[in-house]
Protein backbone atom coordinates (compact mmCIF):
# COMPACT_ATOMS: atom_id res chain seq x y z
CA MET A 1 -9.77 12.65 22.03
CA TYR A 2 -7.63 11.49 18.83
CA ARG A 3 -4.69 13.69 17.46
CA TYR A 4 -3.29 14.16 14.14
CA GLU A 5 0.34 14.46 13.44
CA VAL A 6 -0.15 13.23 9.91
CA SER A 7 -0.80 14.71 6.34
CA ARG A 8 -4.75 15.51 5.42
CA HIS A 9 -4.70 12.76 3.44
CA ASP A 10 -3.98 10.64 6.06
CA ILE A 11 -5.82 11.91 8.37
CA LYS A 12 -8.85 11.06 6.48
CA LEU A 13 -7.45 7.23 6.29
CA VAL A 14 -7.13 7.27 9.97
CA LYS A 15 -10.69 8.76 10.39
CA LYS A 16 -12.01 5.52 7.98
CA SER A 17 -10.12 3.08 10.02
CA ILE A 18 -11.64 4.32 13.16
CA LYS A 19 -14.72 4.33 11.79
CA ILE A 20 -14.46 0.44 10.46
CA LEU A 21 -13.39 -0.93 13.98
CA GLU A 22 -16.50 1.70 15.58
CA ASP A 23 -18.73 0.21 13.19
CA LEU A 24 -17.55 -3.40 14.67
CA LYS A 25 -18.38 -2.34 18.29
CA ALA A 26 -14.38 -2.61 18.90
CA PRO A 27 -13.54 -1.43 22.33
CA ILE A 28 -10.57 0.77 20.85
CA SER A 29 -9.14 3.58 23.10
CA LYS A 30 -10.06 7.09 22.59
CA LYS A 31 -6.77 8.96 23.64
CA ILE A 32 -4.91 7.69 20.65
CA THR A 33 -2.39 10.11 18.92
CA PHE A 34 -1.60 9.08 15.10
CA GLY A 35 1.71 9.99 13.51
CA TYR A 36 4.60 8.53 11.41
CA THR A 37 7.50 6.25 12.13
CA GLY A 38 10.88 6.49 10.40
CA SER A 39 11.70 3.14 11.12
CA ASN A 40 11.61 0.82 7.67
CA SER A 41 11.92 -2.72 9.83
CA TYR A 42 7.92 -2.48 10.20
CA TYR A 43 5.00 -1.29 8.86
CA GLY A 44 3.63 0.58 12.44
CA VAL A 45 3.73 0.23 15.96
CA CYS A 46 1.43 1.16 18.89
CA LYS A 47 3.19 2.57 22.03
CA HIS A 48 1.49 3.38 25.31
CA ARG A 49 2.94 6.27 27.81
CA GLY A 50 0.82 7.33 30.56
CA ASN A 51 -2.67 7.61 29.56
CA ARG A 52 -2.60 7.59 25.74
CA ASP A 53 -1.76 5.15 23.26
CA TYR A 54 0.19 6.35 20.19
CA VAL A 55 0.14 4.67 16.60
CA PHE A 56 2.88 5.49 14.27
CA TYR A 57 3.13 4.10 10.74
CA ARG A 58 5.42 4.30 7.80
CA PRO A 59 4.17 7.46 5.48
CA ASP A 60 5.90 5.48 2.35
CA LEU A 61 3.63 2.50 2.70
CA ILE A 62 2.72 0.95 -1.00
CA ASN A 63 -0.87 2.48 -1.18
CA ASP A 64 -3.63 3.36 0.96
CA TYR A 65 -5.09 -0.05 1.64
CA TYR A 66 -1.77 -0.97 3.14
CA LYS A 67 -2.15 2.28 5.17
CA ILE A 68 -5.14 1.59 6.13
CA ASN A 69 -5.21 -2.16 7.20
CA THR A 70 -1.61 -1.35 9.24
CA ILE A 71 -3.68 1.54 11.25
CA ILE A 72 -6.46 -0.67 11.62
CA HIS A 73 -3.84 -3.64 12.98
CA GLU A 74 -1.81 -1.02 15.21
CA ILE A 75 -5.23 0.42 16.88
CA LEU A 76 -6.64 -2.73 17.65
CA HIS A 77 -3.52 -3.04 20.04
CA THR A 78 -5.26 -0.04 21.95
CA ILE A 79 -8.02 -2.76 23.14
CA PRO A 80 -7.47 -2.51 26.98
CA ASP A 81 -8.07 -6.26 27.96
CA GLU A 82 -6.08 -9.22 29.13
CA ASN A 83 -5.90 -11.23 26.17
CA CYS A 84 -5.31 -8.14 23.42
CA TYR A 85 -3.30 -5.44 24.49
CA TYR A 86 -0.09 -5.05 22.63
CA ASP A 87 -0.68 -8.58 21.62
CA HIS A 88 -1.52 -10.76 18.58
CA ARG A 89 -4.31 -12.97 20.15
CA GLY A 90 -7.43 -12.66 21.53
CA GLU A 91 -10.40 -12.10 20.07
CA TRP A 92 -9.47 -8.92 18.05
CA ALA A 93 -6.54 -9.88 16.82
């Protein structure tokens, strides 16, 4: 189950990002909370706590294209395999 702690507009972007990955049959987590990060040192970050993943991204990214790319990149970190989970290697990197 996905949780959204972002604006209504960004919920649409998150859902679009999830659909793109589901259409590619990427085995992403089904327990993700989406929210904003306050840091300006990176576009986004993925964290794992307990049995849930958290995807945070900057709300002030240049445009929707950058947001979608950042969201997709961070969602890919939720793939639970030894080659990709929280890494930038492997089939889905």
